[in-house]
C-alpha atoms as a PDB file:
ATOM      1  CA  UNK A   1       0.000   0.000   0.000  1.00  0.00           C
ATOM      2  CA  UNK A   2       1.483   3.319  -1.076  1.00  0.00           C
ATOM      3  CA  UNK A   3       2.192   5.933   1.586  1.00  0.00           C
ATOM      4  CA  UNK A   4       0.392   9.283   1.524  1.00  0.00           C
ATOM      5  CA  UNK A   5       1.271  12.668   2.968  1.00  0.00           C
ATOM      6  CA  UNK A   6      -0.782  14.620   5.503  1.00  0.00           C
ATOM      7  CA  UNK A   7      -1.323  17.392   2.941  1.00  0.00           C
ATOM      8  CA  UNK A   8      -3.209  14.926   0.725  1.00  0.00           C
ATOM      9  CA  UNK A   9      -5.845  14.568   3.452  1.00  0.00           C
ATOM     10  CA  UNK A  10      -6.037  18.252   4.400  1.00  0.00           C
ATOM     11  CA  UNK A  11      -9.615  19.409   4.859  1.00  0.00           C
ATOM     12  CA  UNK A  12     -10.657  22.989   5.538  1.00  0.00           C
ATOM     13  CA  UNK A  13     -14.222  23.935   6.530  1.00  0.00           C
ATOM     14  CA  UNK A  14     -15.082  27.618   6.975  1.00  0.00           C
ATOM     15  CA  UNK A  15     -18.420  28.894   8.259  1.00  0.00           C
ATOM     16  CA  UNK A  16     -20.132  31.634  10.268  1.00  0.00           C
ATOM     17  CA  UNK A  17     -21.426  31.225  13.800  1.00  0.00           C
ATOM     18  CA  UNK A  18     -25.198  31.750  13.613  1.00  0.00           C
ATOM     19  CA  UNK A  19     -27.619  32.638  16.471  1.00  0.00           C
ATOM     20  CA  UNK A  20     -29.133  29.129  16.583  1.00  0.00           C
ATOM     21  CA  UNK A  21     -25.651  27.692  17.281  1.00  0.00           C
ATOM     22  CA  UNK A  22     -24.890  29.776  20.365  1.00  0.00           C
ATOM     23  CA  UNK A  23     -25.374  29.491  24.103  1.00  0.00           C
ATOM     24  CA  UNK A  24     -26.917  32.199  26.350  1.00  0.00           C
ATOM     25  CA  UNK A  25     -23.552  34.051  26.320  1.00  0.00           C
ATOM     26  CA  UNK A  26     -23.708  34.260  22.488  1.00  0.00           C
ATOM     27  CA  UNK A  27     -20.763  31.899  22.059  1.00  0.00           C
ATOM     28  CA  UNK A  28     -20.689  28.812  19.855  1.00  0.00           C
ATOM     29  CA  UNK A  29     -21.969  25.687  21.629  1.00  0.00           C
ATOM     30  CA  UNK A  30     -19.144  23.239  22.359  1.00  0.00           C
ATOM     31  CA  UNK A  31     -21.215  20.425  20.851  1.00  0.00           C
ATOM     32  CA  UNK A  32     -21.630  22.385  17.620  1.00  0.00           C
ATOM     33  CA  UNK A  33     -17.868  22.829  17.399  1.00  0.00           C
ATOM     34  CA  UNK A  34     -17.368  19.109  18.100  1.00  0.00           C
ATOM     35  CA  UNK A  35     -19.734  18.257  15.229  1.00  0.00           C
ATOM     36  CA  UNK A  36     -17.858  20.567  12.855  1.00  0.00           C
ATOM     37  CA  UNK A  37     -14.538  19.009  13.893  1.00  0.00           C
ATOM     38  CA  UNK A  38     -15.953  15.494  13.471  1.00  0.00           C
ATOM     39  CA  UNK A  39     -17.109  16.288   9.925  1.00  0.00           C
ATOM     40  CA  UNK A  40     -13.747  17.768   8.936  1.00  0.00           C
ATOM     41  CA  UNK A  41     -11.856  14.842  10.501  1.00  0.00           C
ATOM     42  CA  UNK A  42     -14.132  12.366   8.742  1.00  0.00           C
ATOM     43  CA  UNK A  43     -13.387  13.929   5.363  1.00  0.00           C
ATOM     44  CA  UNK A  44      -9.633  13.937   6.078  1.00  0.00           C
ATOM     45  CA  UNK A  45      -9.722  10.262   7.116  1.00  0.00           C
ATOM     46  CA  UNK A  46     -11.702   9.337   4.018  1.00  0.00           C
ATOM     47  CA  UNK A  47      -9.294  11.255   1.767  1.00  0.00           C
ATOM     48  CA  UNK A  48      -6.380   9.364   3.280  1.00  0.00           C
ATOM     49  CA  UNK A  49      -7.884   5.882   3.296  1.00  0.00           C
ATOM     50  CA  UNK A  50     -10.297   6.141   0.347  1.00  0.00           C
ATOM     51  CA  UNK A  51     -12.612   3.968   2.425  1.00  0.00           C
ATOM     52  CA  UNK A  52     -15.704   4.335   4.590  1.00  0.00           C
ATOM     53  CA  UNK A  53     -14.556   5.709   7.957  1.00  0.00           C
ATOM     54  CA  UNK A  54     -16.097   5.803  11.411  1.00  0.00           C
ATOM     55  CA  UNK A  55     -15.194   7.839  14.473  1.00  0.00           C
ATOM     56  CA  UNK A  56     -13.443   5.561  16.970  1.00  0.00           C
ATOM     57  CA  UNK A  57     -12.642   8.135  19.642  1.00  0.00           C
ATOM     58  CA  UNK A  58     -12.234  11.769  20.502  1.00  0.00           C
ATOM     59  CA  UNK A  59      -8.845  11.627  22.171  1.00  0.00           C
ATOM     60  CA  UNK A  60      -8.349  15.256  23.062  1.00  0.00           C
ATOM     61  CA  UNK A  61     -10.303  18.503  22.839  1.00  0.00           C
ATOM     62  CA  UNK A  62      -9.137  21.883  24.072  1.00  0.00           C
ATOM     63  CA  UNK A  63     -11.642  24.735  24.207  1.00  0.00           C
ATOM     64  CA  UNK A  64      -9.047  27.475  24.664  1.00  0.00           C
ATOM     65  CA  UNK A  65     -11.021  30.461  23.364  1.00  0.00           C
ATOM     66  CA  UNK A  66     -14.703  31.178  23.094  1.00  0.00           C
ATOM     67  CA  UNK A  67     -16.069  31.688  19.598  1.00  0.00           C
ATOM     68  CA  UNK A  68     -18.524  34.563  19.443  1.00  0.00           C
ATOM     69  CA  UNK A  69     -21.734  34.914  17.456  1.00  0.00           C
ATOM     70  CA  UNK A  70     -20.926  36.138  13.949  1.00  0.00           C
ATOM     71  CA  UNK A  71     -17.362  34.837  13.990  1.00  0.00           C
ATOM     72  CA  UNK A  72     -15.828  33.251  10.930  1.00  0.00           C
ATOM     73  CA  UNK A  73     -14.568  29.838  12.055  1.00  0.00           C
ATOM     74  CA  UNK A  74     -12.178  27.654  10.099  1.00  0.00           C
ATOM     75  CA  UNK A  75     -11.712  24.004  11.030  1.00  0.00           C
ATOM     76  CA  UNK A  76      -8.570  22.482   9.528  1.00  0.00           C
ATOM     77  CA  UNK A  77      -8.047  18.714   9.759  1.00  0.00           C
ATOM     78  CA  UNK A  78      -5.382  16.401   8.446  1.00  0.00           C
ATOM     79  CA  UNK A  79      -4.074  12.994   9.266  1.00  0.00           C
ATOM     80  CA  UNK A  80      -1.127  12.892  11.633  1.00  0.00           C
ATOM     81  CA  UNK A  81      -0.463   9.139  11.598  1.00  0.00           C
ATOM     82  CA  UNK A  82      -1.944   5.887  10.356  1.00  0.00           C
ATOM     83  CA  UNK A  83      -1.753   2.582  12.152  1.00  0.00           C
ATOM     84  CA  UNK A  84      -3.055  -0.770  10.870  1.00  0.00           C
ATOM     85  CA  UNK A  85      -6.716   0.215  10.375  1.00  0.00           C
ATOM     86  CA  UNK A  86      -6.912   3.423  12.387  1.00  0.00           C
ATOM     87  CA  UNK A  87      -5.879   6.996  11.695  1.00  0.00           C
ATOM     88  CA  UNK A  88      -5.181   9.858  14.054  1.00  0.00           C
ATOM     89  CA  UNK A  89      -6.560  13.161  12.772  1.00  0.00           C
ATOM     90  CA  UNK A  90      -5.253  16.413  14.214  1.00  0.00           C
ATOM     91  CA  UNK A  91      -7.644  19.358  14.070  1.00  0.00           C
ATOM     92  CA  UNK A  92      -6.889  23.062  14.445  1.00  0.00           C
ATOM     93  CA  UNK A  93      -9.702  25.601  14.853  1.00  0.00           C
ATOM     94  CA  UNK A  94      -9.101  29.200  13.805  1.00  0.00           C
ATOM     95  CA  UNK A  95     -11.162  32.344  14.272  1.00  0.00           C
ATOM     96  CA  UNK A  96     -10.816  35.332  11.996  1.00  0.00           C
ATOM     97  CA  UNK A  97     -10.707  38.829  13.439  1.00  0.00           C
ATOM     98  CA  UNK A  98     -13.617  40.694  11.842  1.00  0.00           C
ATOM     99  CA  UNK A  99     -11.704  43.928  11.327  1.00  0.00           C
ATOM    100  CA  UNK A 100      -8.106  42.900  10.573  1.00  0.00           C
ATOM    101  CA  UNK A 101      -8.786  39.520   8.960  1.00  0.00           C
ATOM    102  CA  UNK A 102      -5.990  38.001  11.040  1.00  0.00           C
ATOM    103  CA  UNK A 103      -6.635  34.398  12.057  1.00  0.00           C
ATOM    104  CA  UNK A 104      -5.771  33.109  15.516  1.00  0.00           C
ATOM    105  CA  UNK A 105      -5.905  29.585  16.859  1.00  0.00           C
ATOM    106  CA  UNK A 106      -8.910  29.095  19.111  1.00  0.00           C
ATOM    107  CA  UNK A 107      -9.065  25.356  19.754  1.00  0.00           C
ATOM    108  CA  UNK A 108      -7.630  22.000  18.793  1.00  0.00           C
ATOM    109  CA  UNK A 109      -8.603  18.367  18.926  1.00  0.00           C
ATOM    110  CA  UNK A 110      -7.361  14.890  18.107  1.00  0.00           C
ATOM    111  CA  UNK A 111      -9.773  12.285  16.767  1.00  0.00           C
ATOM    112  CA  UNK A 112      -9.236   8.640  15.825  1.00  0.00           C
ATOM    113  CA  UNK A 113     -11.035   7.112  12.863  1.00  0.00           C
ATOM    114  CA  UNK A 114     -11.119   3.533  11.622  1.00  0.00           C
ATOM    115  CA  UNK A 115     -11.493   2.556   7.973  1.00  0.00           C
ATOM    116  CA  UNK A 116     -14.104  -0.131   7.370  1.00  0.00           C
ATOM    117  CA  UNK A 117     -15.520  -2.114   4.474  1.00  0.00           C
ATOM    118  CA  UNK A 118     -19.183  -2.233   3.448  1.00  0.00           C
ATOM    119  CA  UNK A 119     -19.869  -4.796   6.199  1.00  0.00           C
ATOM    120  CA  UNK A 120     -18.353  -2.527   8.856  1.00  0.00           C
ATOM    121  CA  UNK A 121     -15.205  -4.626   9.320  1.00  0.00           C
ATOM    122  CA  UNK A 122     -11.886  -2.776   9.804  1.00  0.00           C
ATOM    123  CA  UNK A 123      -9.591  -2.662   6.765  1.00  0.00           C
ATOM    124  CA  UNK A 124      -5.941  -1.644   6.385  1.00  0.00           C
ATOM    125  CA  UNK A 125      -5.046   1.979   5.630  1.00  0.00           C
ATOM    126  CA  UNK A 126      -2.014   3.449   3.864  1.00  0.00           C
ATOM    127  CA  UNK A 127       0.919   4.652   5.967  1.00  0.00           C
ATOM    128  CA  UNK A 128       1.658   8.363   6.397  1.00  0.00           C
ATOM    129  CA  UNK A 129       4.826  10.153   5.319  1.00  0.00           C
ATOM    130  CA  UNK A 130       5.063  13.473   7.158  1.00  0.00           C
ATOM    131  CA  UNK A 131       6.802  16.306   5.328  1.00  0.00           C
ATOM    132  CA  UNK A 132       6.903  19.461   7.470  1.00  0.00           C
ATOM    133  CA  UNK A 133       8.448  19.830  10.931  1.00  0.00           C
ATOM    134  CA  UNK A 134       4.955  20.217  12.417  1.00  0.00           C
ATOM    135  CA  UNK A 135       3.738  17.065  10.644  1.00  0.00           C
ATOM    136  CA  UNK A 136       6.803  15.132  11.856  1.00  0.00           C
ATOM    137  CA  UNK A 137       6.238  16.290  15.440  1.00  0.00           C
ATOM    138  CA  UNK A 138       2.568  15.275  15.349  1.00  0.00           C
ATOM    139  CA  UNK A 139       3.472  11.959  13.676  1.00  0.00           C
ATOM    140  CA  UNK A 140       6.007  11.102  16.402  1.00  0.00           C
ATOM    141  CA  UNK A 141       3.604  12.094  19.185  1.00  0.00           C
ATOM    142  CA  UNK A 142       0.786   9.978  17.746  1.00  0.00           C
ATOM    143  CA  UNK A 143       2.367   6.677  18.778  1.00  0.00           C
ATOM    144  CA  UNK A 144       2.854   7.908  22.357  1.00  0.00           C
ATOM    145  CA  UNK A 145      -0.750   9.167  22.449  1.00  0.00           C
ATOM    146  CA  UNK A 146      -1.993   5.809  21.164  1.00  0.00           C
ATOM    147  CA  UNK A 147       0.027   3.887  23.723  1.00  0.00           C
ATOM    148  CA  UNK A 148      -1.256   6.121  26.531  1.00  0.00           C
ATOM    149  CA  UNK A 149      -4.856   5.557  25.418  1.00  0.00           C
ATOM    150  CA  UNK A 150      -4.321   1.787  25.278  1.00  0.00           C
ATOM    151  CA  UNK A 151      -2.699   1.722  28.741  1.00  0.00           C
ATOM    152  CA  UNK A 152      -5.514   3.811  30.256  1.00  0.00           C
ATOM    153  CA  UNK A 153      -8.116   1.530  28.632  1.00  0.00           C
ATOM    154  CA  UNK A 154      -6.385  -1.563  30.025  1.00  0.00           C
ATOM    155  CA  UNK A 155      -5.627  -2.862  26.526  1.00  0.00           C
ATOM    156  CA  UNK A 156      -1.844  -2.547  26.900  1.00  0.00           C
ATOM    157  CA  UNK A 157       0.463  -3.216  29.810  1.00  0.00           C
ATOM    158  CA  UNK A 158       2.473  -0.133  30.847  1.00  0.00           C
ATOM    159  CA  UNK A 159       5.740  -2.051  30.377  1.00  0.00           C
ATOM    160  CA  UNK A 160       4.820  -2.681  26.731  1.00  0.00           C
ATOM    161  CA  UNK A 161       4.353   1.036  25.993  1.00  0.00           C
ATOM    162  CA  UNK A 162       7.976   1.480  24.915  1.00  0.00           C
ATOM    163  CA  UNK A 163       7.585   4.873  23.226  1.00  0.00           C
ATOM    164  CA  UNK A 164       5.713   6.238  26.226  1.00  0.00           C
ATOM    165  CA  UNK A 165       8.212   4.745  28.706  1.00  0.00           C
ATOM    166  CA  UNK A 166      11.073   6.402  26.834  1.00  0.00           C
ATOM    167  CA  UNK A 167       9.752   9.792  27.941  1.00  0.00           C
ATOM    168  CA  UNK A 168      10.393   8.881  31.587  1.00  0.00           C
ATOM    169  CA  UNK A 169      13.656   6.938  31.433  1.00  0.00           C
END
């Protein structure tokens, strides 16, 4: 299976925050942002695998800045690493200043998707070849994040998490 780069999966969704999507403080509902991130991550995973994909987990979400009513929000997703049948998708959320047009990072998330066949059974996915320094950093961190998730879920013994252990020895 031929390797693919993160840029081949890059997905960018841009939209306005409308009144029906806000809480009583006129900020975007967290659940609405999660749905937008899930859609972008799903497209990125599908672009990488060229298969049906399903959300396996939401590994990390950081709501660092509120997103106000009327804001222009851009959700950018791309694969950071592929494993046997799963893919880690890293998502950056940007808000655009209404007057200057300058974009600043508001939030980020990491999702895991699994590629499946028409019967819903997991299928292999292509490996990832990172190109930029940022892609290489996210690629390297993905294995440690996966091992941590497996240890916390009781699916891996801590002593077997070699990449994770290396951080502490």
